[in-house]
Amino acid sequence: MPTPLIEDFLVYPTMVKLASCLCLEMERSGFTNLCFCGVVPGAETVLDFCGSETGASCDGEAGTCGGMAWVRLVGVTPSLDQVNPVQSANCATPLSFQIEVGMSQCAPVLGENLEVPNMEEQLDATRRQLASMSAMRRAISCCMADDEVDYVVDSYEPLPILGGCLASVWNLTVGEWRGEMP
C-alpha cells in the first residue's frame, strides 16, 4: 500500500480557492464561455484552450470558446518578508510563494491574404485584455482579502502573442509571514 501524501497546507489550498474566485469573477465579468478555468502545473502555462474547444486555434470556426483562465505556482523562496529572499535558510524559515493568475483569449492576427488587423479589431482586443486584467485583479482582491495568509500583488504583464493567443498575467506573492514579520 503506497504511503499517503502529506499535503501542502498553505499554497495548494490558496491556489484552489483563488482559482475558484477567478472562475466566478470571469463569469460575472462577461467571460462566459471559457474552455478552461482552474489550477495548472508546470514551469509555464500551455495555452491549449486559447480559442477553440479542440486546441489553440483562434480562427473563428464554429464551436470556439472564449479562452482560458488559470492559477499557477511560479516559484518558492525562503523569505522573512514578502520581497527579500534569505541567504541562509533553515527548516523554520518562512516561505514566499510566487503565484501567477492569468487569462488568454484570441488576438487579432494577419488574415489569409496577409491583411493586417484593422483598428476596430485592435481596439476590441485591447478592451477585452483590459477587462480581463480588471476581472483577474478583482478575483485576487476579493478572494485574498478575508484569507488567513499574507499576500502582495506584484505586477500585471501582457505576454507575447503566440499562435493567435493574447495572454496576460497578474503576479502575486503569498507567504507564511503572518505574525512573524520583523
Foldseek 3Di string as FASTA:
>chain_A
DDDDDDDDDPDVVLQQLLQVLLVVLCCVLPQPFELETEEDEDQDDDQQQAWAVHGNAPPPDPRTHFGYKYKYWNDKAQDLDQDDGDPDDDPPGKMKIKMKIKTKYFAFQQDPVRDGDDPVRNVVVVVVVVSSVVSSVVSCCVRCVPDPWDKDWDDKAWDDQDNRMTMIITMMMIIDNVVRHD
